[in-house]
Protein backbone atom coordinates (compact mmCIF):
# COMPACT_ATOMS: atom_id res chain seq x y z
CA MET A 1 -3.35 31.09 -21.72
CA PRO A 2 -0.35 32.49 -24.13
CA HIS A 3 0.34 29.61 -26.91
CA GLY A 4 3.79 29.76 -26.63
CA LEU A 5 3.45 28.46 -23.01
CA TRP A 6 2.52 25.23 -24.15
CA GLU A 7 6.18 24.58 -26.13
CA HIS A 8 7.91 24.90 -22.13
CA LEU A 9 5.66 22.29 -21.08
CA HIS A 10 5.49 18.51 -20.81
CA PRO A 11 2.37 17.33 -21.59
CA GLU A 12 1.97 15.71 -18.40
CA GLU A 13 2.66 19.44 -16.80
CA ARG A 14 -0.45 21.07 -19.01
CA PRO A 15 -3.18 20.20 -16.72
CA LEU A 16 -1.61 21.85 -13.99
CA ALA A 17 -0.71 24.78 -15.82
CA ARG A 18 -4.32 25.47 -16.85
CA ARG A 19 -5.25 25.43 -13.43
CA LEU A 20 -2.65 28.07 -11.98
CA ALA A 21 -3.16 30.16 -15.27
CA ASP A 22 -6.98 30.52 -13.81
CA LEU A 23 -5.25 32.22 -10.61
CA ALA A 24 -2.53 33.88 -11.75
CA GLY A 25 -5.02 35.82 -14.60
CA ARG A 26 -6.93 36.61 -11.46
CA ALA A 27 -4.52 38.18 -9.72
CA ARG A 28 -2.56 39.97 -13.07
CA ASN A 29 -6.18 41.18 -14.15
CA ARG A 30 -8.45 41.70 -11.13
CA GLY A 31 -5.63 42.48 -8.37
CA GLU A 32 -6.85 39.40 -6.29
CA TRP A 33 -4.68 37.38 -4.34
CA THR A 34 -5.02 33.74 -5.36
CA LEU A 35 -3.42 30.58 -3.49
CA THR A 36 -2.24 27.47 -5.26
CA PRO A 37 -2.51 24.11 -3.48
CA PHE A 38 0.88 22.66 -2.43
CA LEU A 39 2.98 22.30 -5.08
CA ASP A 40 6.30 20.19 -5.38
CA PRO A 41 9.66 21.71 -6.90
CA GLY A 42 8.85 20.56 -10.55
CA GLU A 43 4.94 22.10 -10.19
CA ARG A 44 6.42 25.76 -8.45
CA SER A 45 8.53 25.56 -11.84
CA VAL A 46 5.29 25.43 -13.89
CA ALA A 47 3.75 28.40 -11.58
CA GLU A 48 6.94 30.68 -11.98
CA LEU A 49 6.44 30.20 -16.17
CA VAL A 50 2.50 30.89 -15.48
CA ALA A 51 3.58 33.88 -13.89
CA ARG A 52 5.91 35.41 -16.14
CA SER A 53 4.13 34.23 -19.44
CA LEU A 54 0.65 36.22 -17.51
CA GLY A 55 2.42 39.23 -16.04
CA ALA A 56 1.91 38.16 -12.49
CA GLY A 57 3.93 37.91 -9.40
CA VAL A 58 4.46 34.91 -7.52
CA ARG A 59 5.87 33.53 -3.97
CA PHE A 60 6.06 30.43 -2.52
CA TYR A 61 6.22 29.38 1.33
CA GLY A 62 5.45 25.97 2.79
CA GLY A 63 6.20 26.79 6.61
CA HIS A 64 9.99 26.67 6.81
CA PRO A 65 12.42 28.07 4.36
CA ALA A 66 13.43 24.57 3.09
CA ALA A 67 10.14 23.55 2.55
CA GLU A 68 10.03 21.19 -0.17
CA ARG A 69 6.33 21.32 -0.67
CA ALA A 70 4.91 24.91 -0.55
CA ARG A 71 1.80 26.76 -1.76
CA GLY A 72 1.80 29.45 -4.29
CA LEU A 73 0.41 32.99 -3.98
CA PHE A 74 -0.29 34.92 -6.86
CA VAL A 75 -0.26 38.55 -7.07
CA PRO A 76 -0.13 41.57 -8.93
CA PRO A 77 3.51 41.92 -9.45
CA GLU A 78 3.69 45.62 -7.68
CA ALA A 79 2.41 43.73 -4.47
CA LEU A 80 5.20 41.16 -4.39
CA PRO A 81 7.53 43.27 -1.93
CA TRP A 82 4.11 42.94 0.48
CA VAL A 83 3.76 39.38 0.57
CA ALA A 84 5.16 38.26 3.87
CA ASP A 85 6.50 34.54 4.17
CA ASP A 86 4.25 33.85 7.15
CA PRO A 87 1.47 30.91 7.75
CA GLU A 88 -1.30 33.25 8.04
CA THR A 89 -0.66 35.02 4.45
CA PHE A 90 -0.14 31.32 2.97
CA ASP A 91 -3.27 29.97 4.76
CA LEU A 92 -0.88 27.48 6.55
CA GLY A 93 -2.02 25.31 9.51
CA LEU A 94 0.20 22.63 11.29
CA VAL A 95 -0.51 19.39 13.02
CA ASP A 96 1.11 18.12 15.60
CA VAL A 97 1.42 14.18 16.17
CA ARG A 98 3.19 12.48 19.01
CA TRP A 99 3.55 8.68 19.42
CA SER A 100 5.40 6.33 22.53
CA PRO A 101 8.81 5.51 21.15
CA ALA A 102 8.65 2.05 23.45
CA PHE A 103 6.35 0.74 20.47
CA GLY A 104 8.19 1.75 17.82
CA ALA A 105 8.03 5.06 15.51
CA PRO A 106 5.98 5.60 12.08
CA GLY A 107 7.61 6.45 9.15
CA HIS A 108 6.98 9.14 6.30
CA ARG A 109 4.95 6.74 4.01
CA ASP A 110 3.26 5.71 7.10
CA LEU A 111 2.00 9.43 8.34
CA LEU A 112 1.26 10.48 4.62
CA GLY A 113 -0.58 7.14 4.08
CA ALA A 114 -3.06 7.73 7.13
CA VAL A 115 -3.44 11.42 6.36
CA LEU A 116 -4.75 10.49 2.92
CA GLY A 117 -6.99 7.57 4.17
CA LEU A 118 -9.06 10.35 5.48
CA GLY A 119 -9.87 11.59 2.43
CA PHE A 120 -7.60 14.50 2.04
CA ALA A 121 -6.14 14.77 -1.46
CA ARG A 122 -1.99 15.13 -1.48
CA GLU A 123 -2.18 18.81 -3.23
CA ARG A 124 -3.91 19.76 0.68
CA LEU A 125 -0.78 18.85 2.40
CA GLY A 126 2.74 20.15 2.51
CA ASP A 127 5.58 18.81 4.03
CA ILE A 128 6.01 16.18 7.50
CA ARG A 129 8.64 16.37 9.40
CA LEU A 130 9.90 13.77 11.90
CA GLY A 131 11.56 13.81 14.91
CA PRO A 132 11.90 11.39 18.09
CA GLY A 133 8.32 10.65 19.09
CA ARG A 134 6.59 13.22 17.18
CA ALA A 135 6.27 14.59 13.84
CA GLU A 136 4.51 17.53 12.32
CA ILE A 137 2.44 17.74 9.10
CA VAL A 138 2.22 21.47 7.45
CA THR A 139 -1.49 21.62 5.66
CA THR A 140 -3.87 24.47 5.13
CA ALA A 141 -5.47 26.38 8.26
CA ALA A 142 -9.09 24.54 7.43
CA LEU A 143 -8.07 21.16 7.49
CA VAL A 144 -6.26 21.20 10.95
CA PRO A 145 -9.15 20.07 12.92
CA ALA A 146 -10.11 17.65 11.01
CA ILE A 147 -6.83 15.61 10.47
CA ALA A 148 -6.48 16.07 14.47
CA ILE A 149 -9.63 14.56 14.73
CA GLY A 150 -9.28 12.17 12.62
CA LEU A 151 -5.70 10.83 12.95
CA GLU A 152 -5.21 7.46 15.67
CA ARG A 153 -2.84 5.25 13.81
CA ALA A 154 -0.11 5.40 11.52
CA GLY A 155 1.03 2.10 9.75
CA ARG A 156 1.19 0.00 13.01
CA ILE A 157 1.49 2.69 15.47
CA GLY A 158 -0.94 3.95 17.49
CA VAL A 159 -0.79 8.08 17.43
CA ARG A 160 -2.31 11.02 19.18
CA ALA A 161 -2.34 14.08 16.96
CA ARG A 162 -3.54 17.96 17.54
CA PRO A 163 -3.21 21.65 16.55
CA GLY A 164 0.37 22.54 16.44
CA ASP A 165 2.30 25.44 17.76
CA TRP A 166 4.07 27.32 15.12
CA GLN A 167 6.68 28.17 17.69
CA ASP A 168 7.11 24.78 18.92
CA ARG A 169 8.41 23.63 15.87
CA LEU A 170 10.94 20.56 15.39
CA PRO A 171 14.15 21.69 14.75
CA ALA A 172 15.70 21.76 11.13
CA ALA A 173 17.85 18.85 10.26
CA ALA A 174 20.08 18.25 7.15
CA PRO A 175 19.10 15.22 5.06
CA GLU A 176 21.04 12.37 5.26
CA ARG A 177 23.18 11.79 1.94
CA GLU A 178 24.70 9.35 0.29
CA VAL A 179 27.85 10.20 -1.72
CA ARG A 180 29.73 7.43 -3.36
CA THR A 181 31.39 7.27 -7.02
CA ILE A 182 29.94 5.18 -9.55
CA SER A 183 31.18 3.57 -12.90
CA VAL A 184 28.62 3.96 -15.96
CA ALA A 185 28.81 3.00 -19.51
CA SER A 186 27.41 6.58 -20.70
CA LEU A 187 25.87 9.43 -19.64
CA ARG A 188 21.96 8.24 -20.26
CA LEU A 189 19.61 8.94 -17.98
CA ASP A 190 18.66 4.99 -17.72
CA ALA A 191 22.97 4.15 -17.10
CA VAL A 192 23.36 6.63 -14.61
CA LEU A 193 20.02 5.78 -12.64
CA ALA A 194 21.33 2.32 -13.11
CA GLY A 195 24.56 2.97 -11.27
CA ALA A 196 23.27 5.23 -9.16
CA LEU A 197 20.50 2.79 -7.51
CA ARG A 198 21.70 -0.30 -7.86
CA LEU A 199 19.38 -1.46 -10.64
CA SER A 200 19.64 -3.47 -13.79
CA ARG A 201 19.69 -1.30 -17.34
CA GLU A 202 16.53 -2.79 -17.88
CA GLN A 203 15.00 -2.32 -14.76
CA ALA A 204 16.36 1.73 -15.09
CA ARG A 205 14.98 2.23 -18.27
CA ARG A 206 11.47 0.93 -17.05
CA LEU A 207 11.30 3.29 -14.33
CA VAL A 208 12.18 5.95 -16.90
CA GLU A 209 9.29 4.90 -19.48
CA SER A 210 6.45 4.40 -16.85
CA GLY A 211 6.86 8.58 -15.79
CA ALA A 212 8.42 7.19 -12.37
CA VAL A 213 11.06 10.17 -13.01
CA ARG A 214 11.78 13.48 -12.64
CA VAL A 215 14.91 15.24 -14.19
CA ASN A 216 15.36 18.71 -12.41
CA HIS A 217 12.04 18.84 -11.08
CA ARG A 218 10.78 18.10 -14.93
CA PRO A 219 8.82 14.90 -16.30
CA GLU A 220 11.43 12.38 -18.02
CA ARG A 221 10.43 9.58 -20.40
CA ALA A 222 12.68 9.69 -22.54
CA PRO A 223 15.63 6.73 -21.39
CA ASP A 224 18.11 8.07 -23.60
CA ARG A 225 18.80 12.08 -22.10
CA PRO A 226 21.71 12.94 -21.42
CA LEU A 227 22.66 14.25 -18.32
CA GLN A 228 25.30 16.56 -17.30
CA ALA A 229 27.10 17.57 -13.66
CA GLY A 230 23.77 19.32 -11.32
CA ASP A 231 21.25 17.39 -12.87
CA ARG A 232 18.90 16.37 -9.93
CA LEU A 233 16.78 13.16 -10.23
CA SER A 234 13.74 12.21 -8.35
CA VAL A 235 12.52 8.58 -8.47
CA ARG A 236 9.12 7.59 -7.14
CA GLY A 237 9.76 5.25 -4.31
CA PHE A 238 13.33 5.39 -4.32
CA GLY A 239 13.82 9.01 -3.41
CA ARG A 240 16.16 11.35 -5.46
CA VAL A 241 19.80 11.45 -6.73
CA GLU A 242 21.96 13.88 -7.50
CA VAL A 243 24.86 14.03 -10.24
CA VAL A 244 27.65 15.98 -8.03
CA GLU A 245 30.60 15.91 -10.40
CA ARG A 246 32.00 14.15 -13.69
CA LEU A 247 35.11 12.79 -13.19
CA GLY A 248 35.74 11.68 -16.80
CA ALA A 249 36.35 8.44 -18.38
CA ASN A 250 38.49 5.35 -16.74
CA ARG A 251 41.06 3.13 -19.34
CA SER A 252 38.43 1.48 -20.20
CA GLY A 253 36.33 4.23 -21.40
CA ARG A 254 33.22 4.25 -18.55
CA GLU A 255 32.60 7.72 -17.39
CA ARG A 256 33.25 8.09 -13.64
CA LEU A 257 30.66 9.98 -11.91
CA VAL A 258 29.88 11.46 -8.24
CA VAL A 259 26.29 10.89 -6.88
CA ALA A 260 24.54 11.64 -3.99
CA ARG A 261 21.39 9.63 -2.73
CA LEU A 262 18.85 11.13 -0.60
CA GLY A 263 15.65 9.06 0.90
CA GLY A 264 14.15 6.53 -0.65
CA ARG A 265 14.87 2.57 -0.01
CA ARG A 266 18.09 1.38 -0.16
């Protein structure tokens, strides 16, 4: 792996970078098309950095254009125009999950926990999307039969799972956003997190130092990191926060920010 690549990586990202570098190197040096596991946005940033460093091409697809989790496909650079964004190219499979709404509905965490409880690693699972009385789980094509057979309960809800049909997808839905204006002592990461998540400053600091926070999809453990408009934060267990706009200081000198929160507990 090129030595200069390490300078751009957080220590927590380096084990993944080593795995991806092997796949990218095979694409660049042997002309192979190599698939990654499912990657979140931060991991995809690492894959893009590895591809640029090694001179490989990379494309991502997770079953739909706005997928949060997607597989990467490393190819020789000249082959990129020939990569099709479709389930077959990226070896994706779909599991259709149904339940009776009369008995309640499982949440995303219930479904994810149920599939992980079958013994499958998170990196083998893509997005889980929910609709009225049903959900769909994107995974690798090889894993579909095992999930369809083994998934019988999610949380307290009994479910029926079967191989899904890519032509019978759930309609895309815009994520729910809570937008509000907050007043914070400074633009430090811990101060903004505390205001956006309604936590104490100490609670926010501990979240950052524990490794539960990512800034713009990259790990961040420094509570004093300054933020700016456009920064996106993801916090384990709390969802995501976007710094939408900086409104300036009020009369008491506190910074006023517009923030948007997506997902997580409220």
